[in-house]
Amino acid sequence: MSLFDLAFPLAVPFWALLILAPNWHRTARIMASPWVPLLPLVCYFGLVLPHFAEWGQAMLRPDLGVLQTLLATPWGAGLVWAHLIAFDLFIARWMYFEGRSLEISPWIVSPILLVTIFLSPFGLVVFLVVRSVRIRSLA
């Protein structure tokens, strides 16, 4: 199993807690750790460190052609995949706690989190709209 293949399964237990068990007393306690996205980030670091100079150079002077070439490699695609998995989980963690603090029903937040797994920009925008509506209703 490659680091690419490992990144998402390492995040699945946290997504399951957020979506399927949002009110379980241990979910909030587990998700309170800012280290939750660390497991997929282990995959990221495992992929980037052997190619750090190459990746660093591409990040210092972004060029579409260079990025296309790097992302077409197995390590480059895996690197971006692990990055996405970790940051999607980080955003989902924020959405979960923000929803709880604003008392947005898990029946609303959980489907949004499900969308966020697959299409995080859409999930984030939907959550921000729901959040804005909720904030206005509390005012």
N, C-alpha and C. Protein backbone atom coordinates (compact mmCIF):
# COMPACT_ATOMS: atom_id res chain seq x y z
N MET A 1 0.86 -1.18 0.00
CA MET A 1 0.00 0.00 0.00
C MET A 1 0.90 1.24 0.00
N SER A 2 0.62 2.16 -0.89
CA SER A 2 1.42 3.37 -1.00
C SER A 2 0.90 4.44 -0.03
N LEU A 3 1.70 5.48 0.14
CA LEU A 3 1.26 6.60 0.98
C LEU A 3 0.03 7.27 0.38
N PHE A 4 -0.08 7.29 -0.94
CA PHE A 4 -1.29 7.80 -1.60
C PHE A 4 -2.50 7.01 -1.12
N ASP A 5 -2.39 5.68 -1.16
CA ASP A 5 -3.50 4.81 -0.76
C ASP A 5 -3.83 4.91 0.72
N LEU A 6 -2.88 5.31 1.53
CA LEU A 6 -3.04 5.35 2.98
C LEU A 6 -3.67 6.64 3.50
N ALA A 7 -3.52 7.74 2.78
CA ALA A 7 -3.93 9.06 3.28
C ALA A 7 -5.41 9.12 3.65
N PHE A 8 -6.29 8.70 2.77
CA PHE A 8 -7.73 8.81 3.07
C PHE A 8 -8.16 7.84 4.16
N PRO A 9 -7.76 6.56 4.13
CA PRO A 9 -8.16 5.67 5.22
C PRO A 9 -7.73 6.16 6.61
N LEU A 10 -6.63 6.88 6.69
CA LEU A 10 -6.20 7.42 7.98
C LEU A 10 -7.15 8.51 8.48
N ALA A 11 -7.84 9.18 7.57
CA ALA A 11 -8.77 10.25 7.94
C ALA A 11 -10.19 9.75 8.17
N VAL A 12 -10.52 8.59 7.63
CA VAL A 12 -11.90 8.08 7.68
C VAL A 12 -12.47 7.99 9.10
N PRO A 13 -11.74 7.50 10.09
CA PRO A 13 -12.35 7.43 11.43
C PRO A 13 -12.80 8.80 11.96
N PHE A 14 -12.05 9.84 11.65
CA PHE A 14 -12.42 11.18 12.10
C PHE A 14 -13.66 11.68 11.35
N TRP A 15 -13.70 11.45 10.04
CA TRP A 15 -14.88 11.82 9.26
C TRP A 15 -16.11 11.07 9.79
N ALA A 16 -15.94 9.79 10.11
CA ALA A 16 -17.06 9.00 10.62
C ALA A 16 -17.60 9.59 11.93
N LEU A 17 -16.71 9.99 12.81
CA LEU A 17 -17.15 10.62 14.06
C LEU A 17 -17.92 11.90 13.78
N LEU A 18 -17.38 12.75 12.90
CA LEU A 18 -18.01 14.04 12.61
C LEU A 18 -19.39 13.87 11.98
N ILE A 19 -19.53 12.91 11.09
CA ILE A 19 -20.77 12.76 10.33
C ILE A 19 -21.77 11.81 11.00
N LEU A 20 -21.28 10.69 11.49
CA LEU A 20 -22.18 9.66 12.01
C LEU A 20 -22.42 9.72 13.51
N ALA A 21 -21.50 10.34 14.24
CA ALA A 21 -21.64 10.39 15.69
C ALA A 21 -21.35 11.79 16.23
N PRO A 22 -22.00 12.82 15.66
CA PRO A 22 -21.66 14.18 16.08
C PRO A 22 -22.01 14.50 17.53
N ASN A 23 -22.98 13.82 18.07
CA ASN A 23 -23.39 14.11 19.45
C ASN A 23 -22.79 13.17 20.49
N TRP A 24 -22.03 12.19 20.05
CA TRP A 24 -21.39 11.28 20.99
C TRP A 24 -20.40 12.08 21.82
N HIS A 25 -20.39 11.86 23.12
CA HIS A 25 -19.57 12.69 24.01
C HIS A 25 -18.07 12.61 23.69
N ARG A 26 -17.61 11.53 23.14
CA ARG A 26 -16.19 11.41 22.82
C ARG A 26 -15.80 12.10 21.51
N THR A 27 -16.78 12.32 20.64
CA THR A 27 -16.46 12.95 19.36
C THR A 27 -15.86 14.33 19.57
N ALA A 28 -16.52 15.16 20.36
CA ALA A 28 -16.00 16.51 20.61
C ALA A 28 -14.64 16.46 21.27
N ARG A 29 -14.46 15.52 22.18
CA ARG A 29 -13.18 15.41 22.89
C ARG A 29 -12.06 14.99 21.93
N ILE A 30 -12.34 14.03 21.07
CA ILE A 30 -11.34 13.57 20.11
C ILE A 30 -11.03 14.66 19.10
N MET A 31 -12.07 15.30 18.59
CA MET A 31 -11.89 16.31 17.55
C MET A 31 -11.31 17.61 18.10
N ALA A 32 -11.33 17.79 19.41
CA ALA A 32 -10.77 19.00 20.01
C ALA A 32 -9.26 19.11 19.79
N SER A 33 -8.63 18.00 19.55
CA SER A 33 -7.19 18.04 19.32
C SER A 33 -6.88 18.69 17.97
N PRO A 34 -6.01 19.69 17.98
CA PRO A 34 -5.62 20.29 16.70
C PRO A 34 -4.75 19.34 15.87
N TRP A 35 -4.38 18.21 16.44
CA TRP A 35 -3.51 17.25 15.76
C TRP A 35 -4.29 16.25 14.91
N VAL A 36 -5.60 16.37 14.85
CA VAL A 36 -6.43 15.43 14.09
C VAL A 36 -5.92 15.23 12.66
N PRO A 37 -5.58 16.29 11.93
CA PRO A 37 -5.11 16.08 10.54
C PRO A 37 -3.69 15.52 10.43
N LEU A 38 -3.06 15.23 11.55
CA LEU A 38 -1.67 14.78 11.52
C LEU A 38 -1.48 13.47 10.76
N LEU A 39 -2.40 12.52 10.90
CA LEU A 39 -2.19 11.23 10.25
C LEU A 39 -2.08 11.36 8.72
N PRO A 40 -3.01 12.05 8.05
CA PRO A 40 -2.79 12.22 6.61
C PRO A 40 -1.54 13.06 6.30
N LEU A 41 -1.18 13.96 7.21
CA LEU A 41 0.03 14.75 6.98
C LEU A 41 1.30 13.91 7.07
N VAL A 42 1.24 12.81 7.80
CA VAL A 42 2.38 11.89 7.82
C VAL A 42 2.64 11.39 6.39
N CYS A 43 1.57 11.10 5.66
CA CYS A 43 1.71 10.69 4.26
C CYS A 43 2.32 11.82 3.44
N TYR A 44 1.84 13.03 3.67
CA TYR A 44 2.37 14.20 2.96
C TYR A 44 3.88 14.32 3.18
N PHE A 45 4.29 14.29 4.44
CA PHE A 45 5.71 14.44 4.74
C PHE A 45 6.53 13.28 4.19
N GLY A 46 5.96 12.08 4.23
CA GLY A 46 6.65 10.93 3.66
C GLY A 46 6.87 11.06 2.16
N LEU A 47 5.97 11.75 1.50
CA LEU A 47 6.10 11.96 0.06
C LEU A 47 6.96 13.17 -0.29
N VAL A 48 6.88 14.23 0.51
CA VAL A 48 7.59 15.46 0.15
C VAL A 48 9.07 15.44 0.56
N LEU A 49 9.38 14.84 1.67
CA LEU A 49 10.76 14.92 2.16
C LEU A 49 11.80 14.38 1.18
N PRO A 50 11.55 13.24 0.52
CA PRO A 50 12.57 12.78 -0.45
C PRO A 50 12.71 13.70 -1.67
N HIS A 51 11.72 14.54 -1.90
CA HIS A 51 11.72 15.43 -3.07
C HIS A 51 11.66 16.90 -2.63
N PHE A 52 12.13 17.16 -1.42
CA PHE A 52 11.94 18.49 -0.83
C PHE A 52 12.56 19.61 -1.68
N ALA A 53 13.75 19.40 -2.17
CA ALA A 53 14.41 20.46 -2.97
C ALA A 53 13.62 20.73 -4.24
N GLU A 54 13.20 19.68 -4.89
CA GLU A 54 12.42 19.80 -6.13
C GLU A 54 11.09 20.52 -5.88
N TRP A 55 10.39 20.09 -4.84
CA TRP A 55 9.09 20.67 -4.51
C TRP A 55 9.27 22.12 -4.02
N GLY A 56 10.27 22.33 -3.19
CA GLY A 56 10.52 23.68 -2.67
C GLY A 56 10.82 24.66 -3.79
N GLN A 57 11.60 24.24 -4.75
CA GLN A 57 11.92 25.10 -5.89
C GLN A 57 10.65 25.45 -6.66
N ALA A 58 9.78 24.48 -6.85
CA ALA A 58 8.52 24.73 -7.56
C ALA A 58 7.62 25.68 -6.78
N MET A 59 7.66 25.61 -5.47
CA MET A 59 6.82 26.48 -4.64
C MET A 59 7.38 27.91 -4.57
N LEU A 60 8.70 28.02 -4.63
CA LEU A 60 9.31 29.35 -4.59
C LEU A 60 9.09 30.15 -5.87
N ARG A 61 9.03 29.44 -6.98
CA ARG A 61 8.84 30.10 -8.28
C ARG A 61 7.75 29.34 -9.02
N PRO A 62 6.49 29.52 -8.62
CA PRO A 62 5.40 28.77 -9.24
C PRO A 62 5.34 28.99 -10.76
N ASP A 63 5.24 27.88 -11.44
CA ASP A 63 5.14 27.89 -12.90
C ASP A 63 4.20 26.74 -13.27
N LEU A 64 3.21 27.02 -14.09
CA LEU A 64 2.21 26.01 -14.43
C LEU A 64 2.84 24.76 -15.04
N GLY A 65 3.76 24.94 -15.96
CA GLY A 65 4.39 23.78 -16.59
C GLY A 65 5.16 22.92 -15.61
N VAL A 66 5.90 23.56 -14.72
CA VAL A 66 6.67 22.82 -13.70
C VAL A 66 5.72 22.07 -12.77
N LEU A 67 4.66 22.74 -12.34
CA LEU A 67 3.69 22.08 -11.45
C LEU A 67 3.00 20.92 -12.15
N GLN A 68 2.64 21.09 -13.40
CA GLN A 68 2.03 19.99 -14.15
C GLN A 68 2.96 18.79 -14.21
N THR A 69 4.22 19.05 -14.45
CA THR A 69 5.20 17.96 -14.52
C THR A 69 5.33 17.26 -13.17
N LEU A 70 5.45 18.01 -12.10
CA LEU A 70 5.60 17.41 -10.77
C LEU A 70 4.34 16.66 -10.35
N LEU A 71 3.17 17.25 -10.62
CA LEU A 71 1.92 16.61 -10.21
C LEU A 71 1.60 15.38 -11.05
N ALA A 72 2.25 15.24 -12.18
CA ALA A 72 2.06 14.05 -13.02
C ALA A 72 2.86 12.86 -12.51
N THR A 73 3.73 13.09 -11.53
CA THR A 73 4.51 11.99 -10.96
C THR A 73 3.69 11.33 -9.86
N PRO A 74 3.95 10.05 -9.56
CA PRO A 74 3.22 9.39 -8.47
C PRO A 74 3.40 10.12 -7.13
N TRP A 75 4.62 10.55 -6.84
CA TRP A 75 4.84 11.23 -5.55
C TRP A 75 4.16 12.59 -5.54
N GLY A 76 4.14 13.30 -6.65
CA GLY A 76 3.50 14.62 -6.71
C GLY A 76 1.99 14.52 -6.56
N ALA A 77 1.38 13.58 -7.25
CA ALA A 77 -0.07 13.39 -7.11
C ALA A 77 -0.41 12.94 -5.69
N GLY A 78 0.38 12.04 -5.15
CA GLY A 78 0.14 11.58 -3.77
C GLY A 78 0.32 12.68 -2.75
N LEU A 79 1.29 13.52 -3.00
CA LEU A 79 1.56 14.66 -2.11
C LEU A 79 0.36 15.60 -2.05
N VAL A 80 -0.16 15.95 -3.22
CA VAL A 80 -1.31 16.86 -3.26
C VAL A 80 -2.54 16.18 -2.67
N TRP A 81 -2.71 14.89 -2.91
CA TRP A 81 -3.84 14.14 -2.36
C TRP A 81 -3.79 14.17 -0.83
N ALA A 82 -2.64 13.87 -0.25
CA ALA A 82 -2.51 13.88 1.21
C ALA A 82 -2.75 15.28 1.77
N HIS A 83 -2.26 16.29 1.06
CA HIS A 83 -2.48 17.68 1.45
C HIS A 83 -3.98 17.99 1.48
N LEU A 84 -4.68 17.60 0.43
CA LEU A 84 -6.13 17.84 0.37
C LEU A 84 -6.87 17.12 1.49
N ILE A 85 -6.51 15.87 1.72
CA ILE A 85 -7.18 15.09 2.76
C ILE A 85 -6.98 15.75 4.12
N ALA A 86 -5.76 16.14 4.43
CA ALA A 86 -5.47 16.76 5.73
C ALA A 86 -6.19 18.09 5.89
N PHE A 87 -6.15 18.93 4.87
CA PHE A 87 -6.77 20.25 5.01
C PHE A 87 -8.29 20.19 4.93
N ASP A 88 -8.84 19.25 4.18
CA ASP A 88 -10.29 19.06 4.20
C ASP A 88 -10.74 18.64 5.60
N LEU A 89 -9.97 17.77 6.22
CA LEU A 89 -10.30 17.34 7.58
C LEU A 89 -10.17 18.50 8.56
N PHE A 90 -9.17 19.33 8.38
CA PHE A 90 -8.99 20.51 9.23
C PHE A 90 -10.19 21.45 9.10
N ILE A 91 -10.64 21.68 7.86
CA ILE A 91 -11.81 22.54 7.62
C ILE A 91 -13.06 21.90 8.22
N ALA A 92 -13.21 20.60 8.04
CA ALA A 92 -14.38 19.90 8.59
C ALA A 92 -14.41 20.00 10.11
N ARG A 93 -13.25 19.89 10.72
CA ARG A 93 -13.16 20.03 12.18
C ARG A 93 -13.65 21.41 12.60
N TRP A 94 -13.24 22.45 11.90
CA TRP A 94 -13.71 23.81 12.19
C TRP A 94 -15.22 23.92 12.00
N MET A 95 -15.73 23.37 10.90
CA MET A 95 -17.16 23.42 10.62
C MET A 95 -17.95 22.72 11.73
N TYR A 96 -17.47 21.59 12.17
CA TYR A 96 -18.12 20.83 13.25
C TYR A 96 -18.24 21.68 14.52
N PHE A 97 -17.14 22.27 14.94
CA PHE A 97 -17.18 23.07 16.17
C PHE A 97 -17.94 24.38 15.99
N GLU A 98 -17.84 24.97 14.83
CA GLU A 98 -18.58 26.20 14.55
C GLU A 98 -20.08 25.90 14.55
N GLY A 99 -20.46 24.79 13.95
CA GLY A 99 -21.86 24.38 13.96
C GLY A 99 -22.37 24.14 15.36
N ARG A 100 -21.57 23.49 16.17
CA ARG A 100 -21.98 23.25 17.57
C ARG A 100 -22.11 24.57 18.34
N SER A 101 -21.15 25.47 18.16
CA SER A 101 -21.19 26.73 18.92
C SER A 101 -22.38 27.59 18.51
N LEU A 102 -22.82 27.46 17.26
CA LEU A 102 -23.99 28.23 16.80
C LEU A 102 -25.29 27.43 16.91
N GLU A 103 -25.18 26.24 17.47
CA GLU A 103 -26.33 25.34 17.65
C GLU A 103 -27.04 25.06 16.33
N ILE A 104 -26.23 24.78 15.30
CA ILE A 104 -26.78 24.33 14.02
C ILE A 104 -26.95 22.82 14.14
N SER A 105 -28.11 22.33 13.80
CA SER A 105 -28.42 20.91 13.95
C SER A 105 -27.43 20.03 13.21
N PRO A 106 -27.03 18.93 13.85
CA PRO A 106 -26.19 17.95 13.15
C PRO A 106 -26.88 17.40 11.89
N TRP A 107 -28.21 17.45 11.87
CA TRP A 107 -28.95 17.01 10.68
C TRP A 107 -28.66 17.92 9.49
N ILE A 108 -28.20 19.10 9.76
CA ILE A 108 -27.81 20.04 8.69
C ILE A 108 -26.30 19.94 8.45
N VAL A 109 -25.53 19.94 9.52
CA VAL A 109 -24.07 19.95 9.39
C VAL A 109 -23.54 18.63 8.81
N SER A 110 -24.05 17.50 9.23
CA SER A 110 -23.53 16.21 8.75
C SER A 110 -23.60 16.05 7.23
N PRO A 111 -24.74 16.36 6.59
CA PRO A 111 -24.74 16.26 5.11
C PRO A 111 -23.77 17.24 4.45
N ILE A 112 -23.60 18.41 5.06
CA ILE A 112 -22.64 19.36 4.51
C ILE A 112 -21.22 18.79 4.63
N LEU A 113 -20.94 18.13 5.74
CA LEU A 113 -19.62 17.50 5.90
C LEU A 113 -19.42 16.38 4.88
N LEU A 114 -20.48 15.67 4.58
CA LEU A 114 -20.40 14.61 3.57
C LEU A 114 -20.03 15.20 2.21
N VAL A 115 -20.64 16.32 1.85
CA VAL A 115 -20.29 17.01 0.61
C VAL A 115 -18.82 17.47 0.68
N THR A 116 -18.40 17.92 1.85
CA THR A 116 -17.05 18.44 2.03
C THR A 116 -15.99 17.37 1.79
N ILE A 117 -16.30 16.12 2.11
CA ILE A 117 -15.33 15.04 1.85
C ILE A 117 -14.97 14.99 0.37
N PHE A 118 -15.99 15.11 -0.48
CA PHE A 118 -15.77 14.93 -1.91
C PHE A 118 -15.54 16.22 -2.67
N LEU A 119 -16.16 17.28 -2.22
CA LEU A 119 -16.08 18.57 -2.91
C LEU A 119 -15.94 19.68 -1.87
N SER A 120 -14.78 19.73 -1.22
CA SER A 120 -14.63 20.62 -0.08
C SER A 120 -14.95 22.08 -0.35
N PRO A 121 -14.60 22.66 -1.50
CA PRO A 121 -14.97 24.06 -1.70
C PRO A 121 -16.49 24.27 -1.68
N PHE A 122 -17.24 23.33 -2.27
CA PHE A 122 -18.70 23.44 -2.24
C PHE A 122 -19.23 23.29 -0.82
N GLY A 123 -18.71 22.30 -0.11
CA GLY A 123 -19.15 22.08 1.27
C GLY A 123 -18.87 23.29 2.14
N LEU A 124 -17.70 23.89 1.97
CA LEU A 124 -17.35 25.07 2.76
C LEU A 124 -18.29 26.23 2.44
N VAL A 125 -18.56 26.46 1.16
CA VAL A 125 -19.46 27.57 0.79
C VAL A 125 -20.86 27.32 1.33
N VAL A 126 -21.36 26.11 1.22
CA VAL A 126 -22.70 25.81 1.76
C VAL A 126 -22.70 26.04 3.27
N PHE A 127 -21.66 25.58 3.95
CA PHE A 127 -21.61 25.79 5.40
C PHE A 127 -21.57 27.27 5.74
N LEU A 128 -20.79 28.04 5.00
CA LEU A 128 -20.70 29.48 5.28
C LEU A 128 -22.05 30.17 5.07
N VAL A 129 -22.82 29.72 4.10
CA VAL A 129 -24.17 30.28 3.88
C VAL A 129 -25.07 29.91 5.06
N VAL A 130 -25.05 28.64 5.45
CA VAL A 130 -25.86 28.19 6.59
C VAL A 130 -25.44 28.94 7.86
N ARG A 131 -24.16 29.08 8.04
CA ARG A 131 -23.62 29.80 9.19
C ARG A 131 -24.11 31.25 9.21
N SER A 132 -24.06 31.91 8.06
CA SER A 132 -24.51 33.32 7.98
C SER A 132 -25.99 33.44 8.30
N VAL A 133 -26.78 32.51 7.76
CA VAL A 133 -28.23 32.52 8.04
C VAL A 133 -28.45 32.32 9.55
N ARG A 134 -27.74 31.39 10.13
CA ARG A 134 -27.89 31.12 11.57
C ARG A 134 -27.48 32.33 12.41
N ILE A 135 -26.38 32.97 12.05
CA ILE A 135 -25.93 34.15 12.81
C ILE A 135 -26.97 35.25 12.73
N ARG A 136 -27.54 35.46 11.55
CA ARG A 136 -28.59 36.48 11.40
C ARG A 136 -29.82 36.14 12.22
N SER A 137 -30.16 34.84 12.28
CA SER A 137 -31.35 34.46 13.05
C SER A 137 -31.15 34.62 14.56
N LEU A 138 -29.90 34.61 14.99
CA LEU A 138 -29.61 34.79 16.42
C LEU A 138 -29.57 36.26 16.82
N ALA A 139 -29.42 37.14 15.83
CA ALA A 139 -29.30 38.59 16.13
C ALA A 139 -30.65 39.22 16.47
